Amino acid sequence: MKITLKLEELAMLVLGIFAFSQLDFAWWWFLVLFFTPDFGMLGYLFNNEIGAFIYNLFHHKGLAILIWFLGFYLQNEVFQLIGVILFSHAAFDRILGYGLKYEKGFKFTHLGEIGN
């Protein structure tokens, strides 16, 4: 099952890359922005609850899709770019086993404990 889930996330990452290719941005934008959702980890400087909330907000695929659709509806490629980056990054993280966080701490995710 673990391999099936990783393959599913890989398919979503490929979908995100394809969606990016449909936008009018140079490829270097994708590379530069790809890890920006990880700034959500800065919430852990305050406490685990704020950290988990902000991290999960920046790694929520549903929110990423909503932002992309908003950009599509408004014909705003910047919103579409933000949605694509958030979606692609979240898929990449899940391939590596980094899931949405529980309030217990950074290493506790919906995919299991990181490091075990």
N, C-alpha and C. Protein backbone atom coordinates (compact mmCIF):
# COMPACT_ATOMS: atom_id res chain seq x y z
N MET A 1 0.82 -1.19 0.00
CA MET A 1 0.00 0.00 0.00
C MET A 1 0.87 1.26 0.00
N LYS A 2 1.99 1.22 0.74
CA LYS A 2 2.85 2.38 0.83
C LYS A 2 3.36 2.79 -0.56
N ILE A 3 3.72 1.81 -1.38
CA ILE A 3 4.22 2.10 -2.73
C ILE A 3 3.10 2.68 -3.58
N THR A 4 1.90 2.17 -3.43
CA THR A 4 0.75 2.68 -4.18
C THR A 4 0.50 4.15 -3.85
N LEU A 5 0.57 4.49 -2.58
CA LEU A 5 0.36 5.88 -2.17
C LEU A 5 1.47 6.79 -2.72
N LYS A 6 2.69 6.32 -2.71
CA LYS A 6 3.80 7.12 -3.25
C LYS A 6 3.65 7.31 -4.76
N LEU A 7 3.20 6.28 -5.45
CA LEU A 7 2.97 6.40 -6.89
C LEU A 7 1.83 7.39 -7.18
N GLU A 8 0.82 7.36 -6.34
CA GLU A 8 -0.28 8.31 -6.50
C GLU A 8 0.23 9.74 -6.30
N GLU A 9 1.05 9.96 -5.29
CA GLU A 9 1.62 11.28 -5.06
C GLU A 9 2.55 11.69 -6.19
N LEU A 10 3.29 10.75 -6.74
CA LEU A 10 4.16 11.03 -7.89
C LEU A 10 3.31 11.48 -9.08
N ALA A 11 2.18 10.83 -9.29
CA ALA A 11 1.27 11.24 -10.37
C ALA A 11 0.77 12.67 -10.15
N MET A 12 0.50 13.02 -8.89
CA MET A 12 0.05 14.39 -8.59
C MET A 12 1.18 15.39 -8.81
N LEU A 13 2.41 15.02 -8.47
CA LEU A 13 3.55 15.89 -8.73
C LEU A 13 3.70 16.12 -10.23
N VAL A 14 3.58 15.07 -11.01
CA VAL A 14 3.65 15.20 -12.47
C VAL A 14 2.52 16.09 -12.99
N LEU A 15 1.33 15.93 -12.43
CA LEU A 15 0.21 16.80 -12.79
C LEU A 15 0.53 18.26 -12.48
N GLY A 16 1.14 18.52 -11.33
CA GLY A 16 1.53 19.88 -10.98
C GLY A 16 2.55 20.44 -11.94
N ILE A 17 3.51 19.62 -12.33
CA ILE A 17 4.52 20.07 -13.30
C ILE A 17 3.86 20.36 -14.65
N PHE A 18 2.92 19.51 -15.05
CA PHE A 18 2.19 19.76 -16.29
C PHE A 18 1.40 21.06 -16.20
N ALA A 19 0.70 21.27 -15.08
CA ALA A 19 -0.08 22.50 -14.90
C ALA A 19 0.83 23.72 -14.97
N PHE A 20 2.01 23.62 -14.37
CA PHE A 20 2.96 24.72 -14.45
C PHE A 20 3.36 24.99 -15.90
N SER A 21 3.56 23.93 -16.67
CA SER A 21 3.99 24.10 -18.07
C SER A 21 2.95 24.84 -18.90
N GLN A 22 1.71 24.87 -18.43
CA GLN A 22 0.65 25.57 -19.15
C GLN A 22 0.61 27.06 -18.81
N LEU A 23 1.39 27.46 -17.82
CA LEU A 23 1.45 28.87 -17.42
C LEU A 23 2.56 29.58 -18.18
N ASP A 24 2.50 30.88 -18.20
CA ASP A 24 3.46 31.67 -18.95
C ASP A 24 4.58 32.18 -18.03
N PHE A 25 5.25 31.22 -17.37
CA PHE A 25 6.37 31.56 -16.50
C PHE A 25 7.57 30.74 -16.95
N ALA A 26 8.75 31.31 -16.77
CA ALA A 26 9.98 30.57 -17.06
C ALA A 26 10.11 29.43 -16.04
N TRP A 27 10.77 28.34 -16.44
CA TRP A 27 10.90 27.16 -15.58
C TRP A 27 11.65 27.46 -14.30
N TRP A 28 12.55 28.44 -14.32
CA TRP A 28 13.30 28.74 -13.12
C TRP A 28 12.38 29.18 -11.99
N TRP A 29 11.21 29.75 -12.30
CA TRP A 29 10.25 30.12 -11.26
C TRP A 29 9.81 28.90 -10.46
N PHE A 30 9.56 27.80 -11.17
CA PHE A 30 9.14 26.57 -10.49
C PHE A 30 10.23 26.11 -9.53
N LEU A 31 11.45 26.10 -9.99
CA LEU A 31 12.57 25.65 -9.17
C LEU A 31 12.80 26.56 -7.97
N VAL A 32 12.73 27.86 -8.17
CA VAL A 32 12.97 28.81 -7.08
C VAL A 32 11.86 28.76 -6.04
N LEU A 33 10.61 28.62 -6.49
CA LEU A 33 9.48 28.67 -5.58
C LEU A 33 9.09 27.33 -4.97
N PHE A 34 9.65 26.25 -5.49
CA PHE A 34 9.20 24.91 -5.11
C PHE A 34 9.24 24.65 -3.60
N PHE A 35 10.24 25.14 -2.91
CA PHE A 35 10.37 24.86 -1.48
C PHE A 35 9.83 25.99 -0.59
N THR A 36 9.24 27.02 -1.19
CA THR A 36 8.71 28.13 -0.36
C THR A 36 7.60 27.69 0.60
N PRO A 37 6.78 26.68 0.29
CA PRO A 37 5.79 26.28 1.30
C PRO A 37 6.42 25.81 2.61
N ASP A 38 7.68 25.43 2.58
CA ASP A 38 8.34 24.99 3.81
C ASP A 38 8.57 26.14 4.80
N PHE A 39 8.38 27.38 4.35
CA PHE A 39 8.44 28.49 5.30
C PHE A 39 7.35 28.34 6.36
N GLY A 40 6.36 27.51 6.08
CA GLY A 40 5.32 27.22 7.06
C GLY A 40 5.87 26.61 8.34
N MET A 41 7.06 26.03 8.26
CA MET A 41 7.70 25.46 9.45
C MET A 41 8.05 26.52 10.48
N LEU A 42 8.15 27.77 10.04
CA LEU A 42 8.52 28.84 10.97
C LEU A 42 7.49 29.00 12.08
N GLY A 43 6.27 28.54 11.87
CA GLY A 43 5.26 28.58 12.92
C GLY A 43 5.67 27.79 14.14
N TYR A 44 6.55 26.82 13.96
CA TYR A 44 7.02 26.01 15.10
C TYR A 44 7.92 26.83 16.03
N LEU A 45 8.35 28.01 15.59
CA LEU A 45 9.12 28.88 16.48
C LEU A 45 8.25 29.39 17.63
N PHE A 46 6.93 29.42 17.41
CA PHE A 46 6.00 29.88 18.44
C PHE A 46 5.60 28.73 19.36
N ASN A 47 5.00 27.70 18.78
CA ASN A 47 4.66 26.48 19.52
C ASN A 47 4.16 25.43 18.53
N ASN A 48 3.91 24.22 19.03
CA ASN A 48 3.49 23.12 18.15
C ASN A 48 2.13 23.36 17.50
N GLU A 49 1.21 23.98 18.23
CA GLU A 49 -0.13 24.19 17.68
C GLU A 49 -0.10 25.17 16.51
N ILE A 50 0.57 26.30 16.70
CA ILE A 50 0.69 27.29 15.62
C ILE A 50 1.51 26.71 14.48
N GLY A 51 2.58 26.01 14.81
CA GLY A 51 3.42 25.39 13.78
C GLY A 51 2.64 24.42 12.92
N ALA A 52 1.87 23.54 13.56
CA ALA A 52 1.08 22.56 12.81
C ALA A 52 0.04 23.25 11.93
N PHE A 53 -0.62 24.27 12.48
CA PHE A 53 -1.65 24.97 11.72
C PHE A 53 -1.07 25.64 10.47
N ILE A 54 0.01 26.39 10.64
CA ILE A 54 0.60 27.10 9.50
C ILE A 54 1.21 26.12 8.50
N TYR A 55 1.92 25.11 9.00
CA TYR A 55 2.51 24.10 8.11
C TYR A 55 1.40 23.43 7.30
N ASN A 56 0.34 23.01 7.96
CA ASN A 56 -0.75 22.33 7.26
C ASN A 56 -1.45 23.24 6.27
N LEU A 57 -1.56 24.51 6.59
CA LEU A 57 -2.16 25.47 5.68
C LEU A 57 -1.35 25.56 4.39
N PHE A 58 -0.02 25.58 4.52
CA PHE A 58 0.86 25.70 3.36
C PHE A 58 1.03 24.37 2.61
N HIS A 59 0.54 23.27 3.17
CA HIS A 59 0.70 21.95 2.56
C HIS A 59 -0.63 21.25 2.30
N HIS A 60 -1.71 22.01 2.29
CA HIS A 60 -3.05 21.44 2.09
C HIS A 60 -3.39 21.46 0.60
N LYS A 61 -3.52 20.30 0.01
CA LYS A 61 -3.77 20.23 -1.43
C LYS A 61 -5.13 20.82 -1.81
N GLY A 62 -6.11 20.68 -0.93
CA GLY A 62 -7.43 21.25 -1.21
C GLY A 62 -7.35 22.77 -1.33
N LEU A 63 -6.60 23.40 -0.43
CA LEU A 63 -6.41 24.85 -0.50
C LEU A 63 -5.64 25.22 -1.77
N ALA A 64 -4.65 24.43 -2.11
CA ALA A 64 -3.87 24.68 -3.33
C ALA A 64 -4.78 24.65 -4.56
N ILE A 65 -5.65 23.66 -4.62
CA ILE A 65 -6.57 23.56 -5.76
C ILE A 65 -7.53 24.74 -5.78
N LEU A 66 -8.02 25.13 -4.62
CA LEU A 66 -8.92 26.28 -4.52
C LEU A 66 -8.24 27.56 -5.03
N ILE A 67 -6.99 27.78 -4.64
CA ILE A 67 -6.24 28.96 -5.10
C ILE A 67 -6.05 28.89 -6.61
N TRP A 68 -5.72 27.70 -7.13
CA TRP A 68 -5.55 27.56 -8.57
C TRP A 68 -6.86 27.88 -9.30
N PHE A 69 -7.98 27.32 -8.81
CA PHE A 69 -9.27 27.59 -9.44
C PHE A 69 -9.62 29.07 -9.38
N LEU A 70 -9.31 29.73 -8.27
CA LEU A 70 -9.55 31.16 -8.17
C LEU A 70 -8.75 31.90 -9.24
N GLY A 71 -7.49 31.53 -9.41
CA GLY A 71 -6.66 32.13 -10.45
C GLY A 71 -7.20 31.84 -11.84
N PHE A 72 -7.69 30.63 -12.05
CA PHE A 72 -8.27 30.27 -13.35
C PHE A 72 -9.52 31.11 -13.61
N TYR A 73 -10.37 31.22 -12.61
CA TYR A 73 -11.62 31.98 -12.74
C TYR A 73 -11.34 33.46 -12.99
N LEU A 74 -10.37 34.01 -12.26
CA LEU A 74 -10.03 35.43 -12.39
C LEU A 74 -9.05 35.69 -13.53
N GLN A 75 -8.62 34.63 -14.19
CA GLN A 75 -7.61 34.70 -15.24
C GLN A 75 -6.34 35.38 -14.71
N ASN A 76 -5.94 34.96 -13.51
CA ASN A 76 -4.78 35.51 -12.83
C ASN A 76 -3.73 34.41 -12.70
N GLU A 77 -2.68 34.50 -13.51
CA GLU A 77 -1.66 33.45 -13.52
C GLU A 77 -0.83 33.40 -12.24
N VAL A 78 -0.76 34.49 -11.50
CA VAL A 78 -0.01 34.47 -10.24
C VAL A 78 -0.72 33.55 -9.24
N PHE A 79 -2.04 33.66 -9.14
CA PHE A 79 -2.80 32.76 -8.26
C PHE A 79 -2.67 31.31 -8.74
N GLN A 80 -2.73 31.12 -10.05
CA GLN A 80 -2.56 29.77 -10.58
C GLN A 80 -1.18 29.22 -10.22
N LEU A 81 -0.17 30.07 -10.34
CA LEU A 81 1.20 29.67 -9.98
C LEU A 81 1.28 29.27 -8.50
N ILE A 82 0.70 30.08 -7.64
CA ILE A 82 0.71 29.77 -6.20
C ILE A 82 0.05 28.42 -5.95
N GLY A 83 -1.10 28.19 -6.57
CA GLY A 83 -1.80 26.92 -6.41
C GLY A 83 -0.98 25.75 -6.90
N VAL A 84 -0.35 25.90 -8.05
CA VAL A 84 0.47 24.82 -8.63
C VAL A 84 1.67 24.52 -7.73
N ILE A 85 2.33 25.55 -7.22
CA ILE A 85 3.50 25.35 -6.36
C ILE A 85 3.08 24.64 -5.07
N LEU A 86 2.01 25.12 -4.43
CA LEU A 86 1.55 24.49 -3.19
C LEU A 86 1.18 23.03 -3.43
N PHE A 87 0.45 22.76 -4.51
CA PHE A 87 0.01 21.40 -4.83
C PHE A 87 1.21 20.48 -5.11
N SER A 88 2.11 20.95 -5.97
CA SER A 88 3.27 20.14 -6.35
C SER A 88 4.17 19.86 -5.15
N HIS A 89 4.41 20.89 -4.36
CA HIS A 89 5.27 20.71 -3.19
C HIS A 89 4.66 19.73 -2.19
N ALA A 90 3.35 19.85 -1.96
CA ALA A 90 2.69 18.93 -1.02
C ALA A 90 2.80 17.49 -1.51
N ALA A 91 2.63 17.27 -2.80
CA ALA A 91 2.77 15.91 -3.35
C ALA A 91 4.20 15.41 -3.15
N PHE A 92 5.18 16.26 -3.42
CA PHE A 92 6.59 15.89 -3.23
C PHE A 92 6.88 15.51 -1.79
N ASP A 93 6.40 16.35 -0.86
CA ASP A 93 6.60 16.05 0.56
C ASP A 93 6.00 14.70 0.94
N ARG A 94 4.84 14.40 0.43
CA ARG A 94 4.18 13.15 0.80
C ARG A 94 4.89 11.95 0.20
N ILE A 95 5.53 12.13 -0.96
CA ILE A 95 6.36 11.06 -1.51
C ILE A 95 7.48 10.73 -0.51
N LEU A 96 8.02 11.76 0.13
CA LEU A 96 9.11 11.58 1.09
C LEU A 96 8.63 11.17 2.48
N GLY A 97 7.31 11.12 2.67
CA GLY A 97 6.76 10.69 3.96
C GLY A 97 6.43 11.81 4.91
N TYR A 98 6.49 13.05 4.42
CA TYR A 98 6.14 14.20 5.26
C TYR A 98 4.67 14.54 5.03
N GLY A 99 3.86 14.18 6.00
CA GLY A 99 2.43 14.43 5.88
C GLY A 99 2.00 15.67 6.64
N LEU A 100 0.71 15.86 6.70
CA LEU A 100 0.15 16.95 7.49
C LEU A 100 0.44 16.68 8.96
N LYS A 101 0.69 17.75 9.70
CA LYS A 101 1.19 17.61 11.07
C LYS A 101 0.08 17.58 12.11
N TYR A 102 0.33 16.79 13.15
CA TYR A 102 -0.50 16.82 14.35
C TYR A 102 0.11 17.84 15.31
N GLU A 103 -0.68 18.29 16.26
CA GLU A 103 -0.23 19.32 17.20
C GLU A 103 0.77 18.80 18.23
N LYS A 104 1.00 17.49 18.26
CA LYS A 104 1.97 16.92 19.21
C LYS A 104 3.40 17.35 18.90
N GLY A 105 3.67 17.62 17.63
CA GLY A 105 5.02 18.01 17.25
C GLY A 105 5.26 17.77 15.77
N PHE A 106 6.35 18.30 15.26
CA PHE A 106 6.64 18.26 13.83
C PHE A 106 6.73 16.84 13.28
N LYS A 107 7.27 15.93 14.06
CA LYS A 107 7.49 14.58 13.53
C LYS A 107 6.24 13.70 13.53
N PHE A 108 5.13 14.20 14.05
CA PHE A 108 3.89 13.43 14.09
C PHE A 108 2.98 13.86 12.95
N THR A 109 2.81 12.96 11.96
CA THR A 109 2.07 13.31 10.76
C THR A 109 0.95 12.30 10.50
N HIS A 110 0.07 12.66 9.58
CA HIS A 110 -1.02 11.75 9.21
C HIS A 110 -0.50 10.53 8.47
N LEU A 111 0.75 10.55 8.05
CA LEU A 111 1.35 9.39 7.39
C LEU A 111 2.17 8.53 8.34
N GLY A 112 2.21 8.94 9.61
CA GLY A 112 2.99 8.24 10.60
C GLY A 112 4.10 9.13 11.15
N GLU A 113 4.82 8.60 12.09
CA GLU A 113 5.87 9.38 12.74
C GLU A 113 7.09 9.43 11.83
N ILE A 114 7.63 10.63 11.64
CA ILE A 114 8.83 10.81 10.82
C ILE A 114 10.02 10.25 11.59
N GLY A 115 10.84 9.47 10.90
CA GLY A 115 12.03 8.93 11.52
C GLY A 115 11.87 7.51 12.00
N ASN A 116 10.67 6.94 11.89
CA ASN A 116 10.47 5.54 12.30
C ASN A 116 10.31 4.65 11.10
